[in-house]
Amino acid sequence: MKDKKRILNRDIRARTVQLITDSWENLGEMSINEARVRAEEQSLDLMEMWKSWDVAIVKILDYWKFLYKQKKQDQKNKAKGKAPDLKTLRITFKIWEHDLDIRRKQAEKFGLAHHPLKITLMLRWRENQYTEIAEEKMTRFVMSLTEVYKLEWQVKKSGNTFSCMLKPIK
């Protein structure tokens, strides 16, 4: 919950209010003093929901219970809204098969966590002569991940770097 200042109980300055119960039942217009008496009888708080120049809409509720529910709802929304992080794997032209297997296992772990994956292979110095071999190595690595990922865009070369994007299969 954003730190929005709520106007409660004695801080409400309107003379007439539209009173609403905790279950959203409308009790009608009344003076603020009458609303305060009703709230005190039930040991609850008055919270100003909306204010116009003549009548304020006030809800009768347990304020601490309201804050607790609001906090829980915010936590739930935050967990839902969390986007998966883009993970990046870099492989080299001279990578050994064992190291490639380790990268493959890392990529599978990222895929099971539903993270998109970017794979890059950078060529250095004399490796630039072997672009066909590098592209084939990159393609083979990407095809080994088809159980967990689907190819979002093909292997592309820009400068001396090959790269591709993979999306997790849901």
C-alpha atoms as a PDB file:
ATOM      1  CA  MET A   1       0.000   0.000   0.000  1.00  0.00           C
ATOM      2  CA  LYS A   2       1.338   3.389  -0.891  1.00  0.00           C
ATOM      3  CA  ASP A   3       1.736   5.606   2.148  1.00  0.00           C
ATOM      4  CA  LYS A   4      -1.510   7.379   1.513  1.00  0.00           C
ATOM      5  CA  LYS A   5      -2.681   9.362   4.497  1.00  0.00           C
ATOM      6  CA  ARG A   6      -6.117   8.166   5.558  1.00  0.00           C
ATOM      7  CA  ILE A   7      -8.414  10.521   7.417  1.00  0.00           C
ATOM      8  CA  LEU A   8      -9.817   8.763  10.489  1.00  0.00           C
ATOM      9  CA  ASN A   9     -12.293   9.360  13.327  1.00  0.00           C
ATOM     10  CA  ARG A  10     -11.823  12.840  14.853  1.00  0.00           C
ATOM     11  CA  ASP A  11      -9.853  14.143  11.859  1.00  0.00           C
ATOM     12  CA  ILE A  12     -12.901  13.998   9.578  1.00  0.00           C
ATOM     13  CA  ARG A  13     -14.022  17.609   9.085  1.00  0.00           C
ATOM     14  CA  ALA A  14     -17.233  17.175   7.055  1.00  0.00           C
ATOM     15  CA  ARG A  15     -20.518  18.119   8.770  1.00  0.00           C
ATOM     16  CA  THR A  16     -22.662  15.528   6.994  1.00  0.00           C
ATOM     17  CA  VAL A  17     -21.489  12.109   5.883  1.00  0.00           C
ATOM     18  CA  GLN A  18     -22.785   9.187   3.875  1.00  0.00           C
ATOM     19  CA  LEU A  19     -22.155   6.202   6.169  1.00  0.00           C
ATOM     20  CA  ILE A  20     -21.213   2.808   4.732  1.00  0.00           C
ATOM     21  CA  THR A  21     -20.689  -0.365   6.764  1.00  0.00           C
ATOM     22  CA  ASP A  22     -17.756  -2.751   6.488  1.00  0.00           C
ATOM     23  CA  SER A  23     -19.887  -4.997   4.238  1.00  0.00           C
ATOM     24  CA  TRP A  24     -20.583  -2.012   1.905  1.00  0.00           C
ATOM     25  CA  GLU A  25     -24.171  -1.517   3.103  1.00  0.00           C
ATOM     26  CA  ASN A  26     -25.306   2.109   2.756  1.00  0.00           C
ATOM     27  CA  LEU A  27     -26.778   3.525   5.982  1.00  0.00           C
ATOM     28  CA  GLY A  28     -27.618   6.908   4.441  1.00  0.00           C
ATOM     29  CA  GLU A  29     -26.727  10.512   5.181  1.00  0.00           C
ATOM     30  CA  MET A  30     -26.284  11.688   8.769  1.00  0.00           C
ATOM     31  CA  SER A  31     -24.300  14.139  10.825  1.00  0.00           C
ATOM     32  CA  ILE A  32     -20.681  13.328  11.623  1.00  0.00           C
ATOM     33  CA  ASN A  33     -21.470  13.203  15.346  1.00  0.00           C
ATOM     34  CA  GLU A  34     -24.154  10.555  14.814  1.00  0.00           C
ATOM     35  CA  ALA A  35     -21.726   8.520  12.688  1.00  0.00           C
ATOM     36  CA  ARG A  36     -19.057   8.771  15.392  1.00  0.00           C
ATOM     37  CA  VAL A  37     -21.547   7.534  18.013  1.00  0.00           C
ATOM     38  CA  ARG A  38     -22.432   4.522  15.836  1.00  0.00           C
ATOM     39  CA  ALA A  39     -18.747   3.704  15.356  1.00  0.00           C
ATOM     40  CA  GLU A  40     -18.002   3.966  19.075  1.00  0.00           C
ATOM     41  CA  GLU A  41     -20.943   1.689  19.918  1.00  0.00           C
ATOM     42  CA  GLN A  42     -19.392  -1.027  17.762  1.00  0.00           C
ATOM     43  CA  SER A  43     -15.805  -0.223  18.838  1.00  0.00           C
ATOM     44  CA  LEU A  44     -14.854   0.509  15.221  1.00  0.00           C
ATOM     45  CA  ASP A  45     -13.256   3.383  13.333  1.00  0.00           C
ATOM     46  CA  LEU A  46     -14.543   5.859  10.760  1.00  0.00           C
ATOM     47  CA  MET A  47     -12.443   6.238   7.629  1.00  0.00           C
ATOM     48  CA  GLU A  48     -13.070   8.874   4.996  1.00  0.00           C
ATOM     49  CA  MET A  49     -13.260   7.184   1.593  1.00  0.00           C
ATOM     50  CA  TRP A  50     -14.166  10.190  -0.580  1.00  0.00           C
ATOM     51  CA  LYS A  51     -14.898  13.821   0.054  1.00  0.00           C
ATOM     52  CA  SER A  52     -16.877  16.394  -1.875  1.00  0.00           C
ATOM     53  CA  TRP A  53     -17.631  19.950  -0.846  1.00  0.00           C
ATOM     54  CA  ASP A  54     -20.939  19.084   0.860  1.00  0.00           C
ATOM     55  CA  VAL A  55     -20.931  15.368   1.837  1.00  0.00           C
ATOM     56  CA  ALA A  56     -18.098  12.963   2.623  1.00  0.00           C
ATOM     57  CA  ILE A  57     -18.411   9.214   2.155  1.00  0.00           C
ATOM     58  CA  VAL A  58     -17.276   7.517   5.338  1.00  0.00           C
ATOM     59  CA  LYS A  59     -16.834   3.820   6.009  1.00  0.00           C
ATOM     60  CA  ILE A  60     -17.205   2.250   9.425  1.00  0.00           C
ATOM     61  CA  LEU A  61     -14.539  -0.452   9.886  1.00  0.00           C
ATOM     62  CA  ASP A  62     -11.770  -1.884  12.018  1.00  0.00           C
ATOM     63  CA  TYR A  63      -8.837   0.172  10.713  1.00  0.00           C
ATOM     64  CA  TRP A  64      -6.062  -2.219  11.786  1.00  0.00           C
ATOM     65  CA  LYS A  65      -7.853  -5.135  10.146  1.00  0.00           C
ATOM     66  CA  PHE A  66      -8.186  -3.003   7.002  1.00  0.00           C
ATOM     67  CA  LEU A  67      -4.440  -2.246   7.010  1.00  0.00           C
ATOM     68  CA  TYR A  68      -3.614  -5.933   7.482  1.00  0.00           C
ATOM     69  CA  LYS A  69      -5.822  -6.983   4.536  1.00  0.00           C
ATOM     70  CA  GLN A  70      -4.403  -4.193   2.387  1.00  0.00           C
ATOM     71  CA  LYS A  71      -0.844  -5.285   3.161  1.00  0.00           C
ATOM     72  CA  LYS A  72      -1.626  -8.910   2.300  1.00  0.00           C
ATOM     73  CA  GLN A  73      -3.293  -7.847  -0.965  1.00  0.00           C
ATOM     74  CA  ASP A  74      -0.275  -5.719  -1.883  1.00  0.00           C
ATOM     75  CA  GLN A  75       2.057  -8.671  -1.249  1.00  0.00           C
ATOM     76  CA  LYS A  76      -0.105 -10.904  -3.436  1.00  0.00           C
ATOM     77  CA  ASN A  77      -0.177  -8.321  -6.245  1.00  0.00           C
ATOM     78  CA  LYS A  78       3.573  -7.847  -6.019  1.00  0.00           C
ATOM     79  CA  ALA A  79       4.155 -11.589  -6.316  1.00  0.00           C
ATOM     80  CA  LYS A  80       1.846 -11.811  -9.338  1.00  0.00           C
ATOM     81  CA  GLY A  81       3.374  -8.827 -11.075  1.00  0.00           C
ATOM     82  CA  LYS A  82       6.938  -9.950 -10.827  1.00  0.00           C
ATOM     83  CA  ALA A  83       8.286 -10.434 -14.340  1.00  0.00           C
ATOM     84  CA  PRO A  84      10.865 -13.137 -14.980  1.00  0.00           C
ATOM     85  CA  ASP A  85      14.403 -11.850 -15.436  1.00  0.00           C
ATOM     86  CA  LEU A  86      16.200 -12.134 -18.740  1.00  0.00           C
ATOM     87  CA  LYS A  87      19.083 -14.562 -18.265  1.00  0.00           C
ATOM     88  CA  THR A  88      22.157 -14.452 -20.479  1.00  0.00           C
ATOM     89  CA  LEU A  89      24.539 -17.292 -21.278  1.00  0.00           C
ATOM     90  CA  ARG A  90      27.836 -16.620 -23.030  1.00  0.00           C
ATOM     91  CA  ILE A  91      29.577 -19.412 -24.821  1.00  0.00           C
ATOM     92  CA  THR A  92      32.893 -19.175 -26.640  1.00  0.00           C
ATOM     93  CA  PHE A  93      34.145 -20.595 -29.903  1.00  0.00           C
ATOM     94  CA  LYS A  94      36.668 -22.854 -28.147  1.00  0.00           C
ATOM     95  CA  ILE A  95      34.298 -24.125 -25.433  1.00  0.00           C
ATOM     96  CA  TRP A  96      34.785 -27.785 -24.537  1.00  0.00           C
ATOM     97  CA  GLU A  97      31.940 -30.298 -24.580  1.00  0.00           C
ATOM     98  CA  HIS A  98      31.887 -30.655 -20.791  1.00  0.00           C
ATOM     99  CA  ASP A  99      31.585 -26.883 -20.322  1.00  0.00           C
ATOM    100  CA  LEU A 100      28.833 -26.810 -22.944  1.00  0.00           C
ATOM    101  CA  ASP A 101      26.946 -29.454 -20.936  1.00  0.00           C
ATOM    102  CA  ILE A 102      27.240 -27.277 -17.823  1.00  0.00           C
ATOM    103  CA  ARG A 103      25.818 -24.313 -19.757  1.00  0.00           C
ATOM    104  CA  ARG A 104      23.019 -26.547 -21.046  1.00  0.00           C
ATOM    105  CA  LYS A 105      22.109 -27.572 -17.480  1.00  0.00           C
ATOM    106  CA  GLN A 106      22.126 -23.912 -16.413  1.00  0.00           C
ATOM    107  CA  ALA A 107      19.830 -23.038 -19.315  1.00  0.00           C
ATOM    108  CA  GLU A 108      17.441 -25.870 -18.414  1.00  0.00           C
ATOM    109  CA  LYS A 109      17.327 -24.630 -14.831  1.00  0.00           C
ATOM    110  CA  PHE A 110      16.474 -21.124 -16.074  1.00  0.00           C
ATOM    111  CA  GLY A 111      13.802 -22.583 -18.360  1.00  0.00           C
ATOM    112  CA  LEU A 112      12.133 -24.466 -15.520  1.00  0.00           C
ATOM    113  CA  ALA A 113      11.991 -21.166 -13.604  1.00  0.00           C
ATOM    114  CA  HIS A 114      10.314 -19.585 -16.702  1.00  0.00           C
ATOM    115  CA  HIS A 115      13.098 -17.097 -17.425  1.00  0.00           C
ATOM    116  CA  PRO A 116      13.686 -15.955 -21.017  1.00  0.00           C
ATOM    117  CA  LEU A 117      17.202 -16.670 -22.183  1.00  0.00           C
ATOM    118  CA  LYS A 118      19.654 -14.850 -24.425  1.00  0.00           C
ATOM    119  CA  ILE A 119      22.605 -16.828 -25.730  1.00  0.00           C
ATOM    120  CA  THR A 120      25.675 -15.094 -27.147  1.00  0.00           C
ATOM    121  CA  LEU A 121      28.818 -16.415 -28.797  1.00  0.00           C
ATOM    122  CA  MET A 122      31.589 -13.885 -29.382  1.00  0.00           C
ATOM    123  CA  LEU A 123      34.397 -14.508 -31.833  1.00  0.00           C
ATOM    124  CA  ARG A 124      37.838 -13.081 -31.118  1.00  0.00           C
ATOM    125  CA  TRP A 125      40.870 -12.449 -33.304  1.00  0.00           C
ATOM    126  CA  ARG A 126      41.421 -15.311 -35.746  1.00  0.00           C
ATOM    127  CA  GLU A 127      38.185 -17.012 -34.718  1.00  0.00           C
ATOM    128  CA  ASN A 128      36.422 -14.528 -37.042  1.00  0.00           C
ATOM    129  CA  GLN A 129      37.586 -16.660 -39.994  1.00  0.00           C
ATOM    130  CA  TYR A 130      35.383 -19.554 -38.823  1.00  0.00           C
ATOM    131  CA  THR A 131      31.938 -17.923 -38.732  1.00  0.00           C
ATOM    132  CA  GLU A 132      30.217 -20.976 -40.314  1.00  0.00           C
ATOM    133  CA  ILE A 133      31.576 -23.300 -37.633  1.00  0.00           C
ATOM    134  CA  ALA A 134      30.616 -20.828 -34.883  1.00  0.00           C
ATOM    135  CA  GLU A 135      27.080 -20.480 -36.247  1.00  0.00           C
ATOM    136  CA  GLU A 136      26.720 -24.244 -36.466  1.00  0.00           C
ATOM    137  CA  LYS A 137      27.995 -24.638 -32.869  1.00  0.00           C
ATOM    138  CA  MET A 138      25.493 -22.013 -31.686  1.00  0.00           C
ATOM    139  CA  THR A 139      22.613 -23.655 -33.598  1.00  0.00           C
ATOM    140  CA  ARG A 140      23.473 -27.096 -32.174  1.00  0.00           C
ATOM    141  CA  PHE A 141      23.478 -25.674 -28.638  1.00  0.00           C
ATOM    142  CA  VAL A 142      20.109 -23.961 -29.179  1.00  0.00           C
ATOM    143  CA  MET A 143      18.576 -27.133 -30.643  1.00  0.00           C
ATOM    144  CA  SER A 144      19.708 -29.099 -27.577  1.00  0.00           C
ATOM    145  CA  LEU A 145      17.395 -26.875 -25.480  1.00  0.00           C
ATOM    146  CA  THR A 146      14.168 -27.522 -27.444  1.00  0.00           C
ATOM    147  CA  GLU A 147      12.632 -29.504 -24.554  1.00  0.00           C
ATOM    148  CA  VAL A 148      12.608 -26.417 -22.308  1.00  0.00           C
ATOM    149  CA  TYR A 149      12.755 -23.453 -24.706  1.00  0.00           C
ATOM    150  CA  LYS A 150      11.339 -22.382 -28.040  1.00  0.00           C
ATOM    151  CA  LEU A 151      13.277 -20.099 -30.348  1.00  0.00           C
ATOM    152  CA  GLU A 152      11.981 -16.521 -30.296  1.00  0.00           C
ATOM    153  CA  TRP A 153      14.326 -15.290 -33.045  1.00  0.00           C
ATOM    154  CA  GLN A 154      16.915 -17.133 -35.081  1.00  0.00           C
ATOM    155  CA  VAL A 155      20.652 -17.012 -34.536  1.00  0.00           C
ATOM    156  CA  LYS A 156      21.817 -13.618 -35.809  1.00  0.00           C
ATOM    157  CA  LYS A 157      25.274 -12.249 -36.389  1.00  0.00           C
ATOM    158  CA  SER A 158      26.072  -8.653 -35.603  1.00  0.00           C
ATOM    159  CA  GLY A 159      29.727  -7.736 -35.871  1.00  0.00           C
ATOM    160  CA  ASN A 160      31.696 -10.566 -34.329  1.00  0.00           C
ATOM    161  CA  THR A 161      28.877 -11.769 -32.051  1.00  0.00           C
ATOM    162  CA  PHE A 162      26.204 -14.394 -32.647  1.00  0.00           C
ATOM    163  CA  SER A 163      23.100 -14.136 -30.500  1.00  0.00           C
ATOM    164  CA  CYS A 164      19.600 -15.546 -30.189  1.00  0.00           C
ATOM    165  CA  MET A 165      16.628 -15.260 -27.832  1.00  0.00           C
ATOM    166  CA  LEU A 166      14.717 -18.188 -26.358  1.00  0.00           C
ATOM    167  CA  LYS A 167      11.348 -18.202 -24.625  1.00  0.00           C
ATOM    168  CA  PRO A 168      10.442 -20.841 -22.043  1.00  0.00           C
ATOM    169  CA  ILE A 169       7.774 -23.364 -22.984  1.00  0.00           C
ATOM    170  CA  LYS A 170       4.897 -22.984 -20.524  1.00  0.00           C
END
